C-alpha atoms as a PDB file:
ATOM      1  CA  MET A   1      -0.029  -0.011  -0.024  1.00  0.00           C
ATOM      2  CA  GLN A   2       2.852   2.341   0.801  1.00  0.00           C
ATOM      3  CA  ASN A   3       4.426   1.783  -2.654  1.00  0.00           C
ATOM      4  CA  GLN A   4       1.019   2.397  -4.276  1.00  0.00           C
ATOM      5  CA  LYS A   5       0.880   5.809  -2.630  1.00  0.00           C
ATOM      6  CA  LYS A   6       4.428   6.524  -3.718  1.00  0.00           C
ATOM      7  CA  SER A   7       3.531   5.534  -7.310  1.00  0.00           C
ATOM      8  CA  LEU A   8       0.563   7.953  -7.183  1.00  0.00           C
ATOM      9  CA  GLU A   9       2.761  10.671  -5.759  1.00  0.00           C
ATOM     10  CA  ILE A  10       5.517  10.366  -8.380  1.00  0.00           C
ATOM     11  CA  SER A  11       2.929  10.147 -11.206  1.00  0.00           C
ATOM     12  CA  CYS A  12       1.286  13.335 -10.054  1.00  0.00           C
ATOM     13  CA  TYR A  13       4.695  15.121 -10.142  1.00  0.00           C
ATOM     14  CA  VAL A  14       5.372  13.673 -13.683  1.00  0.00           C
ATOM     15  CA  LEU A  15       1.891  14.687 -14.987  1.00  0.00           C
ATOM     16  CA  GLY A  16       2.228  18.087 -13.366  1.00  0.00           C
ATOM     17  CA  ALA A  17       5.604  18.595 -15.051  1.00  0.00           C
ATOM     18  CA  GLY A  18       4.086  17.553 -18.406  1.00  0.00           C
ATOM     19  CA  ALA A  19       1.111  19.943 -17.963  1.00  0.00           C
ATOM     20  CA  PHE A  20       3.350  22.834 -17.057  1.00  0.00           C
ATOM     21  CA  GLY A  21       5.613  21.979 -19.952  1.00  0.00           C
ATOM     22  CA  VAL A  22       2.838  21.849 -22.490  1.00  0.00           C
ATOM     23  CA  PHE A  23       1.623  25.283 -21.263  1.00  0.00           C
ATOM     24  CA  LEU A  24       5.124  26.750 -21.637  1.00  0.00           C
ATOM     25  CA  ARG A  25       5.464  25.246 -25.119  1.00  0.00           C
ATOM     26  CA  TRP A  26       2.045  26.570 -26.116  1.00  0.00           C
ATOM     27  CA  LEU A  27       3.087  30.049 -24.897  1.00  0.00           C
ATOM     28  CA  GLN A  28       6.259  29.765 -26.945  1.00  0.00           C
ATOM     29  CA  ASP A  29       4.382  28.764 -30.064  1.00  0.00           C
ATOM     30  CA  GLN A  30       1.933  31.666 -29.609  1.00  0.00           C
ATOM     31  CA  MET A  31       4.355  34.472 -28.637  1.00  0.00           C
ATOM     32  CA  ALA A  32       7.828  33.534 -29.900  1.00  0.00           C
ATOM     33  CA  PHE A  33       7.047  33.245 -33.611  1.00  0.00           C
ATOM     34  CA  ASP A  34       5.887  35.871 -36.123  1.00  0.00           C
ATOM     35  CA  GLU A  35       3.100  35.535 -38.706  1.00  0.00           C
ATOM     36  CA  ALA A  36       5.486  33.907 -41.136  1.00  0.00           C
ATOM     37  CA  GLY A  37       6.480  31.173 -38.671  1.00  0.00           C
ATOM     38  CA  LEU A  38       9.981  32.594 -38.053  1.00  0.00           C
ATOM     39  CA  ALA A  39      11.383  32.631 -34.489  1.00  0.00           C
ATOM     40  CA  GLU A  40      11.691  36.017 -32.831  1.00  0.00           C
ATOM     41  CA  LYS A  41      13.698  37.055 -29.766  1.00  0.00           C
ATOM     42  CA  SER A  42      11.655  35.786 -26.771  1.00  0.00           C
ATOM     43  CA  VAL A  43      12.254  34.951 -23.201  1.00  0.00           C
ATOM     44  CA  PHE A  44      10.583  31.552 -23.872  1.00  0.00           C
ATOM     45  CA  HIS A  45      13.541  30.480 -25.850  1.00  0.00           C
ATOM     46  CA  PHE A  46      15.330  30.543 -22.477  1.00  0.00           C
ATOM     47  CA  ILE A  47      12.500  29.417 -20.278  1.00  0.00           C
ATOM     48  CA  VAL A  48      11.580  26.270 -22.153  1.00  0.00           C
ATOM     49  CA  PRO A  49      15.147  24.756 -22.054  1.00  0.00           C
ATOM     50  CA  LEU A  50      15.494  25.795 -18.468  1.00  0.00           C
ATOM     51  CA  PHE A  51      12.221  23.946 -17.633  1.00  0.00           C
ATOM     52  CA  ILE A  52      13.534  20.802 -19.409  1.00  0.00           C
ATOM     53  CA  LEU A  53      16.729  20.899 -17.319  1.00  0.00           C
ATOM     54  CA  ALA A  54      14.801  21.603 -14.139  1.00  0.00           C
ATOM     55  CA  SER A  55      12.540  18.634 -14.752  1.00  0.00           C
ATOM     56  CA  ALA A  56      15.497  16.334 -15.408  1.00  0.00           C
ATOM     57  CA  TYR A  57      17.041  17.528 -12.139  1.00  0.00           C
ATOM     58  CA  MET A  58      13.834  16.805 -10.228  1.00  0.00           C
ATOM     59  CA  PHE A  59      13.600  13.329 -11.661  1.00  0.00           C
ATOM     60  CA  ILE A  60      17.224  12.591 -10.810  1.00  0.00           C
ATOM     61  CA  ARG A  61      16.568  13.678  -7.297  1.00  0.00           C
ATOM     62  CA  PHE A  62      13.615  11.180  -7.178  1.00  0.00           C
ATOM     63  CA  VAL A  63      15.812   8.364  -8.230  1.00  0.00           C
ATOM     64  CA  ASP A  64      18.653   9.341  -5.805  1.00  0.00           C
ATOM     65  CA  ASN A  65      16.082   9.564  -2.978  1.00  0.00           C
ATOM     66  CA  PHE A  66      15.063   5.972  -3.634  1.00  0.00           C
ATOM     67  CA  ARG A  67      18.694   4.900  -3.505  1.00  0.00           C
ATOM     68  CA  ALA A  68      19.308   6.831  -0.309  1.00  0.00           C
ATOM     69  CA  LYS A  69      16.474   5.028   1.356  1.00  0.00           C
ATOM     70  CA  ARG A  70      17.844   1.711   0.192  1.00  0.00           C
ATOM     71  CA  PHE A  71      14.994   1.013  -2.248  1.00  0.00           C
ATOM     72  CA  PHE A  72      15.946  -1.214  -5.224  1.00  0.00           C
ATOM     73  CA  LEU A  73      14.087  -2.878  -8.075  1.00  0.00           C
ATOM     74  CA  PRO A  74      14.340  -6.662  -8.753  1.00  0.00           C
ATOM     75  CA  GLU A  75      16.506  -7.265 -11.728  1.00  0.00           C
ATOM     76  CA  ASP A  76      14.379 -10.120 -13.101  1.00  0.00           C
ATOM     77  CA  PHE A  77      11.702  -9.240 -15.626  1.00  0.00           C
ATOM     78  CA  SER A  78       8.763 -10.558 -13.694  1.00  0.00           C
ATOM     79  CA  GLY A  79       9.953  -9.074 -10.414  1.00  0.00           C
ATOM     80  CA  ALA A  80      10.460  -5.600 -11.862  1.00  0.00           C
ATOM     81  CA  LEU A  81       7.334  -5.371 -13.948  1.00  0.00           C
ATOM     82  CA  ARG A  82       4.734  -7.533 -12.246  1.00  0.00           C
ATOM     83  CA  ASN A  83       1.337  -5.882 -12.589  1.00  0.00           C
ATOM     84  CA  ASP A  84      -1.322  -8.525 -11.815  1.00  0.00           C
ATOM     85  CA  GLY A  85      -4.866  -7.551 -11.252  1.00  0.00           C
ATOM     86  CA  LYS A  86      -7.894  -6.550 -13.311  1.00  0.00           C
ATOM     87  CA  SER A  87      -7.204  -2.798 -12.925  1.00  0.00           C
ATOM     88  CA  TYR A  88      -3.744  -3.180 -14.339  1.00  0.00           C
ATOM     89  CA  ALA A  89      -4.977  -5.346 -17.202  1.00  0.00           C
ATOM     90  CA  PHE A  90      -7.568  -2.690 -18.047  1.00  0.00           C
ATOM     91  CA  PHE A  91      -4.972   0.206 -18.096  1.00  0.00           C
ATOM     92  CA  ARG A  92      -2.368  -1.686 -20.147  1.00  0.00           C
ATOM     93  CA  TRP A  93      -4.869  -2.755 -22.807  1.00  0.00           C
ATOM     94  CA  ALA A  94      -6.542   0.677 -22.871  1.00  0.00           C
ATOM     95  CA  ILE A  95      -3.164   2.429 -23.443  1.00  0.00           C
ATOM     96  CA  GLY A  96      -2.345  -0.125 -26.159  1.00  0.00           C
ATOM     97  CA  VAL A  97      -5.727   0.507 -27.895  1.00  0.00           C
ATOM     98  CA  LEU A  98      -5.155   4.258 -27.682  1.00  0.00           C
ATOM     99  CA  MET A  99      -1.764   3.817 -29.465  1.00  0.00           C
ATOM    100  CA  CYS A 100      -3.442   1.655 -32.184  1.00  0.00           C
ATOM    101  CA  LEU A 101      -6.134   4.225 -32.564  1.00  0.00           C
ATOM    102  CA  GLY A 102      -3.643   7.021 -33.191  1.00  0.00           C
ATOM    103  CA  ALA A 103      -1.798   4.839 -35.695  1.00  0.00           C
ATOM    104  CA  VAL A 104      -4.935   4.070 -37.572  1.00  0.00           C
ATOM    105  CA  LEU A 105      -5.792   7.758 -37.795  1.00  0.00           C
ATOM    106  CA  VAL A 106      -2.266   8.445 -39.181  1.00  0.00           C
ATOM    107  CA  PHE A 107      -2.791   5.729 -41.806  1.00  0.00           C
ATOM    108  CA  LEU A 108      -6.141   7.107 -42.856  1.00  0.00           C
ATOM    109  CA  THR A 109      -5.063  10.724 -43.062  1.00  0.00           C
ATOM    110  CA  CYS A 110      -1.506  10.376 -44.363  1.00  0.00           C
ATOM    111  CA  GLU A 111      -2.415  11.044 -48.040  1.00  0.00           C
ATOM    112  CA  VAL A 112      -2.764  14.761 -47.415  1.00  0.00           C
ATOM    113  CA  GLU A 113       0.516  14.946 -45.405  1.00  0.00           C
ATOM    114  CA  LYS A 114       4.126  15.400 -46.518  1.00  0.00           C
ATOM    115  CA  TYR A 115       5.942  12.059 -47.089  1.00  0.00           C
ATOM    116  CA  PRO A 116       2.862   9.790 -46.746  1.00  0.00           C
ATOM    117  CA  GLY A 117       5.030   6.697 -47.238  1.00  0.00           C
ATOM    118  CA  MET A 118       6.979   7.369 -44.058  1.00  0.00           C
ATOM    119  CA  LEU A 119       3.773   8.083 -42.134  1.00  0.00           C
ATOM    120  CA  ARG A 120       2.364   4.662 -43.263  1.00  0.00           C
ATOM    121  CA  VAL A 121       5.443   2.967 -41.812  1.00  0.00           C
ATOM    122  CA  ILE A 122       5.034   4.891 -38.540  1.00  0.00           C
ATOM    123  CA  ALA A 123       1.366   3.863 -38.522  1.00  0.00           C
ATOM    124  CA  VAL A 124       2.194   0.133 -38.979  1.00  0.00           C
ATOM    125  CA  LEU A 125       4.851   0.319 -36.282  1.00  0.00           C
ATOM    126  CA  GLY A 126       2.457   2.226 -34.001  1.00  0.00           C
ATOM    127  CA  ILE A 127      -0.125  -0.634 -34.324  1.00  0.00           C
ATOM    128  CA  LEU A 128       2.567  -3.209 -33.532  1.00  0.00           C
ATOM    129  CA  THR A 129       3.600  -1.121 -30.540  1.00  0.00           C
ATOM    130  CA  GLY A 130       0.072  -0.876 -29.257  1.00  0.00           C
ATOM    131  CA  ILE A 131      -0.293  -4.674 -29.455  1.00  0.00           C
ATOM    132  CA  SER A 132       3.060  -5.517 -27.982  1.00  0.00           C
ATOM    133  CA  TYR A 133       2.825  -3.212 -24.970  1.00  0.00           C
ATOM    134  CA  PRO A 134       0.019  -4.980 -23.172  1.00  0.00           C
ATOM    135  CA  LEU A 135       1.340  -8.405 -24.214  1.00  0.00           C
ATOM    136  CA  LEU A 136       4.749  -7.514 -22.743  1.00  0.00           C
ATOM    137  CA  LEU A 137       3.249  -6.388 -19.407  1.00  0.00           C
ATOM    138  CA  SER A 138       0.941  -9.469 -19.356  1.00  0.00           C
ATOM    139  CA  ALA A 139       3.905 -11.684 -19.789  1.00  0.00           C
ATOM    140  CA  ALA A 140       5.456 -10.255 -16.605  1.00  0.00           C
ATOM    141  CA  ASN A 141       2.683 -11.991 -14.656  1.00  0.00           C
ATOM    142  CA  ARG A 142       3.374 -15.404 -16.146  1.00  0.00           C
ATOM    143  CA  LYS A 143       6.133 -18.033 -15.855  1.00  0.00           C
ATOM    144  CA  ASN A 144       8.012 -19.937 -18.514  1.00  0.00           C
ATOM    145  CA  ILE A 145       7.836 -17.126 -21.149  1.00  0.00           C
ATOM    146  CA  HIS A 146      10.543 -17.506 -23.817  1.00  0.00           C
ATOM    147  CA  PRO A 147      13.044 -14.675 -23.445  1.00  0.00           C
ATOM    148  CA  SER A 148      13.245 -14.285 -27.208  1.00  0.00           C
ATOM    149  CA  PHE A 149       9.589 -13.444 -27.294  1.00  0.00           C
ATOM    150  CA  LEU A 150      10.006 -10.755 -24.627  1.00  0.00           C
ATOM    151  CA  CYS A 151      12.934  -9.269 -26.485  1.00  0.00           C
ATOM    152  CA  VAL A 152      10.966  -8.930 -29.736  1.00  0.00           C
ATOM    153  CA  LEU A 153       8.061  -7.276 -27.897  1.00  0.00           C
ATOM    154  CA  SER A 154      10.249  -4.844 -26.018  1.00  0.00           C
ATOM    155  CA  ILE A 155      12.247  -3.712 -29.039  1.00  0.00           C
ATOM    156  CA  ILE A 156       9.233  -2.774 -31.204  1.00  0.00           C
ATOM    157  CA  PRO A 157       8.658   0.700 -29.635  1.00  0.00           C
ATOM    158  CA  VAL A 158      12.390   1.444 -30.000  1.00  0.00           C
ATOM    159  CA  VAL A 159      12.096   0.775 -33.727  1.00  0.00           C
ATOM    160  CA  LEU A 160       8.984   2.902 -33.979  1.00  0.00           C
ATOM    161  CA  PHE A 161      10.507   6.006 -32.469  1.00  0.00           C
ATOM    162  CA  SER A 162      13.869   5.427 -34.168  1.00  0.00           C
ATOM    163  CA  PHE A 163      12.090   5.501 -37.562  1.00  0.00           C
ATOM    164  CA  TRP A 164       9.928   8.460 -36.283  1.00  0.00           C
ATOM    165  CA  LEU A 165      13.140  10.369 -35.515  1.00  0.00           C
ATOM    166  CA  ILE A 166      14.351   9.778 -39.116  1.00  0.00           C
ATOM    167  CA  ALA A 167      10.967  10.888 -40.529  1.00  0.00           C
ATOM    168  CA  CYS A 168      11.060  14.045 -38.339  1.00  0.00           C
ATOM    169  CA  TYR A 169      14.448  15.023 -39.688  1.00  0.00           C
ATOM    170  CA  LYS A 170      13.326  14.295 -43.230  1.00  0.00           C
ATOM    171  CA  MET A 171      10.140  16.309 -42.975  1.00  0.00           C
ATOM    172  CA  ASN A 172      12.093  19.278 -41.580  1.00  0.00           C
ATOM    173  CA  ASP A 173      15.195  19.078 -43.725  1.00  0.00           C
ATOM    174  CA  ILE A 174      14.475  22.471 -45.337  1.00  0.00           C
ATOM    175  CA  ASN A 175      13.098  24.102 -42.240  1.00  0.00           C
ATOM    176  CA  SER A 176      15.644  26.599 -40.917  1.00  0.00           C
ATOM    177  CA  VAL A 177      13.557  27.407 -37.762  1.00  0.00           C
ATOM    178  CA  VAL A 178      14.955  24.831 -35.354  1.00  0.00           C
ATOM    179  CA  TRP A 179      12.608  25.872 -32.533  1.00  0.00           C
ATOM    180  CA  SER A 180       9.520  24.760 -34.587  1.00  0.00           C
ATOM    181  CA  PHE A 181      10.619  21.111 -34.420  1.00  0.00           C
ATOM    182  CA  GLY A 182      13.467  20.963 -31.912  1.00  0.00           C
ATOM    183  CA  ILE A 183      11.192  19.959 -28.927  1.00  0.00           C
ATOM    184  CA  GLU A 184       9.781  17.099 -31.008  1.00  0.00           C
ATOM    185  CA  ILE A 185      13.290  15.875 -31.751  1.00  0.00           C
ATOM    186  CA  ILE A 186      14.194  16.006 -28.050  1.00  0.00           C
ATOM    187  CA  ALA A 187      11.041  14.175 -27.080  1.00  0.00           C
ATOM    188  CA  ILE A 188      11.519  11.416 -29.589  1.00  0.00           C
ATOM    189  CA  ILE A 189      15.202  10.897 -28.561  1.00  0.00           C
ATOM    190  CA  ILE A 190      14.337  10.693 -24.866  1.00  0.00           C
ATOM    191  CA  THR A 191      11.485   8.370 -25.657  1.00  0.00           C
ATOM    192  CA  ILE A 192      13.831   6.041 -27.646  1.00  0.00           C
ATOM    193  CA  LEU A 193      16.141   5.991 -24.630  1.00  0.00           C
ATOM    194  CA  ALA A 194      13.290   5.276 -22.281  1.00  0.00           C
ATOM    195  CA  PHE A 195      12.009   2.232 -24.155  1.00  0.00           C
ATOM    196  CA  PHE A 196      15.598   1.132 -24.784  1.00  0.00           C
ATOM    197  CA  ARG A 197      16.218   1.156 -21.058  1.00  0.00           C
ATOM    198  CA  MET A 198      12.943  -0.717 -20.384  1.00  0.00           C
ATOM    199  CA  ALA A 199      13.995  -3.377 -22.898  1.00  0.00           C
ATOM    200  CA  GLY A 200      17.011  -4.086 -20.661  1.00  0.00           C
ATOM    201  CA  PHE A 201      14.695  -6.160 -18.344  1.00  0.00           C
ATOM    202  CA  ALA A 202      13.820  -8.482 -21.226  1.00  0.00           C
ATOM    203  CA  PHE A 203      17.384  -8.699 -22.444  1.00  0.00           C
ATOM    204  CA  GLY A 204      18.785  -9.341 -18.907  1.00  0.00           C
ATOM    205  CA  THR A 205      20.652  -6.045 -18.602  1.00  0.00           C
ATOM    206  CA  PRO A 206      18.544  -3.816 -16.485  1.00  0.00           C
ATOM    207  CA  LYS A 207      19.478  -0.545 -14.835  1.00  0.00           C
ATOM    208  CA  SER A 208      16.478   0.503 -12.817  1.00  0.00           C
ATOM    209  CA  GLY A 209      17.680   3.978 -12.009  1.00  0.00           C
ATOM    210  CA  HIS A 210      18.124   4.777 -15.633  1.00  0.00           C
ATOM    211  CA  CYS A 211      14.672   3.158 -16.458  1.00  0.00           C
ATOM    212  CA  MET A 212      12.774   5.224 -13.969  1.00  0.00           C
ATOM    213  CA  PHE A 213      14.527   8.594 -14.894  1.00  0.00           C
ATOM    214  CA  TYR A 214      13.960   8.149 -18.640  1.00  0.00           C
ATOM    215  CA  ALA A 215      10.390   6.930 -18.147  1.00  0.00           C
ATOM    216  CA  MET A 216       9.539  10.082 -16.155  1.00  0.00           C
ATOM    217  CA  MET A 217      11.410  12.366 -18.505  1.00  0.00           C
ATOM    218  CA  GLY A 218       9.987  10.739 -21.674  1.00  0.00           C
ATOM    219  CA  CYS A 219       6.495  11.053 -20.309  1.00  0.00           C
ATOM    220  CA  THR A 220       6.986  14.782 -19.620  1.00  0.00           C
ATOM    221  CA  MET A 221       8.484  15.437 -23.019  1.00  0.00           C
ATOM    222  CA  CYS A 222       5.827  13.482 -24.920  1.00  0.00           C
ATOM    223  CA  VAL A 223       3.138  15.489 -23.129  1.00  0.00           C
ATOM    224  CA  MET A 224       4.902  18.735 -23.726  1.00  0.00           C
ATOM    225  CA  THR A 225       5.195  18.217 -27.488  1.00  0.00           C
ATOM    226  CA  VAL A 226       1.514  17.792 -27.847  1.00  0.00           C
ATOM    227  CA  ALA A 227       1.343  21.601 -27.801  1.00  0.00           C
ATOM    228  CA  ASP A 228       2.703  21.728 -31.437  1.00  0.00           C
ATOM    229  CA  THR A 229       0.562  21.473 -34.401  1.00  0.00           C
ATOM    230  CA  ARG A 230       0.717  18.146 -36.283  1.00  0.00           C
ATOM    231  CA  ASN A 231      -1.337  15.247 -37.565  1.00  0.00           C
ATOM    232  CA  ILE A 232      -4.053  14.300 -35.028  1.00  0.00           C
ATOM    233  CA  GLY A 233      -3.030  10.638 -35.153  1.00  0.00           C
ATOM    234  CA  LEU A 234       0.537  11.580 -34.323  1.00  0.00           C
ATOM    235  CA  GLN A 235      -0.681  13.634 -31.386  1.00  0.00           C
ATOM    236  CA  ILE A 236      -2.590  10.732 -30.067  1.00  0.00           C
ATOM    237  CA  MET A 237       0.477   8.421 -30.510  1.00  0.00           C
ATOM    238  CA  PHE A 238       2.595  10.877 -28.514  1.00  0.00           C
ATOM    239  CA  PHE A 239       0.005  10.966 -25.739  1.00  0.00           C
ATOM    240  CA  ALA A 240      -0.292   7.202 -25.778  1.00  0.00           C
ATOM    241  CA  ALA A 241       3.502   6.946 -25.545  1.00  0.00           C
ATOM    242  CA  ALA A 242       3.471   9.341 -22.549  1.00  0.00           C
ATOM    243  CA  LEU A 243       0.870   7.015 -20.818  1.00  0.00           C
ATOM    244  CA  MET A 244       2.945   3.948 -21.586  1.00  0.00           C
ATOM    245  CA  LEU A 245       6.002   5.434 -19.925  1.00  0.00           C
ATOM    246  CA  LEU A 246       3.951   6.742 -17.036  1.00  0.00           C
ATOM    247  CA  PHE A 247       2.479   3.246 -16.419  1.00  0.00           C
ATOM    248  CA  TYR A 248       5.885   1.712 -16.654  1.00  0.00           C
ATOM    249  CA  ASN A 249       7.187   4.021 -14.004  1.00  0.00           C
ATOM    250  CA  TRP A 250       4.110   3.402 -11.781  1.00  0.00           C
ATOM    251  CA  ILE A 251       4.727  -0.367 -11.944  1.00  0.00           C
ATOM    252  CA  MET A 252       8.421  -0.018 -11.188  1.00  0.00           C
ATOM    253  CA  VAL A 253       7.860   2.260  -8.184  1.00  0.00           C
ATOM    254  CA  LYS A 254       5.167  -0.119  -6.955  1.00  0.00           C
ATOM    255  CA  ASN A 255       7.637  -3.099  -7.175  1.00  0.00           C
ATOM    256  CA  LEU A 256      10.470  -1.349  -5.309  1.00  0.00           C
ATOM    257  CA  VAL A 257      11.839  -3.317  -2.369  1.00  0.00           C
ATOM    258  CA  GLN A 258      13.648  -1.845   0.586  1.00  0.00           C
ATOM    259  CA  ARG A 259      16.815  -3.393   1.798  1.00  0.00           C
ATOM    260  CA  LYS A 260      17.220  -3.825   5.538  1.00  0.00           C
ATOM    261  CA  ALA A 261      19.877  -1.718   7.208  1.00  0.00           C
ATOM    262  CA  GLN A 262      22.967  -3.789   8.073  1.00  0.00           C
ATOM    263  CA  ARG A 263      23.725  -4.031  11.710  1.00  0.00           C
ATOM    264  CA  GLU A 264      27.165  -2.654  12.577  1.00  0.00           C
ATOM    265  CA  GLU A 265      29.151  -4.980  14.731  1.00  0.00           C
ATOM    266  CA  PRO A 266      30.819  -3.247  17.768  1.00  0.00           C
ATOM    267  CA  LEU A 267      34.503  -2.859  17.390  1.00  0.00           C
ATOM    268  CA  GLU A 268      36.544  -4.902  19.826  1.00  0.00           C
ATOM    269  CA  ASP A 269      39.376  -3.217  21.728  1.00  0.00           C
ATOM    270  CA  GLY A 270      42.527  -4.925  22.704  1.00  0.00           C
ATOM    271  CA  PHE A 271      41.334  -6.027  26.152  1.00  0.00           C
ATOM    272  CA  ASP A 272      38.263  -7.803  24.612  1.00  0.00           C
ATOM    273  CA  ARG A 273      40.554  -9.516  22.101  1.00  0.00           C
ATOM    274  CA  LEU A 274      42.843 -10.623  24.829  1.00  0.00           C
END
């Protein structure tokens, strides 16, 4: 019960950071660009990066605080990501369906967008990600799941956002206003790192501190980038990715285990030794 409350507390901080970030990004979009879409001198070009750094510092402090209180996450896949129960099943499948919905909308509307072929690939990978996510979390509640199956499921979102990063660069290759797409680039890169770190549990090379930090940071950045104007399907996919990482972090915090403090043996003096 205590870990559940801690999960809720951390999630509120992450969602609060995301809400504040999307508000700052919206203000930047509204006030830091002229009618032609060119960036003007604005204090938001300083505030937005400062907010990202402040969020990263806050999340690092959360992870350090867990370590200071001797909390650790089991390194095995099931121990780290166990999420049994009907409520967890509902949320993991609802998030997966939301990702699939966004991907389907991208597929249906990509003809009027630039580079429709790339968007179709993103849509297909998005559907696979929406299916793989609940299957992966469901597998954490079972025994005798083949490791190769877990590895394939965990690497799909990494492939999705890696291709999304290439597509984003391609779509903005002639755009000289870096501020118009820079936040999206940062969000995609951090999301790649987040899912890459989460894949470490399936591949047997977990680093729980890195996983929690990138999950929190990736969720914040995905929410923040929703303030930009883009295809509605991509917006939904960004939001679904934020929920995926938030749910990952909730589960990891819930599964934290506290080590017992080691008793210090009293030092013997020469008389006791004699």
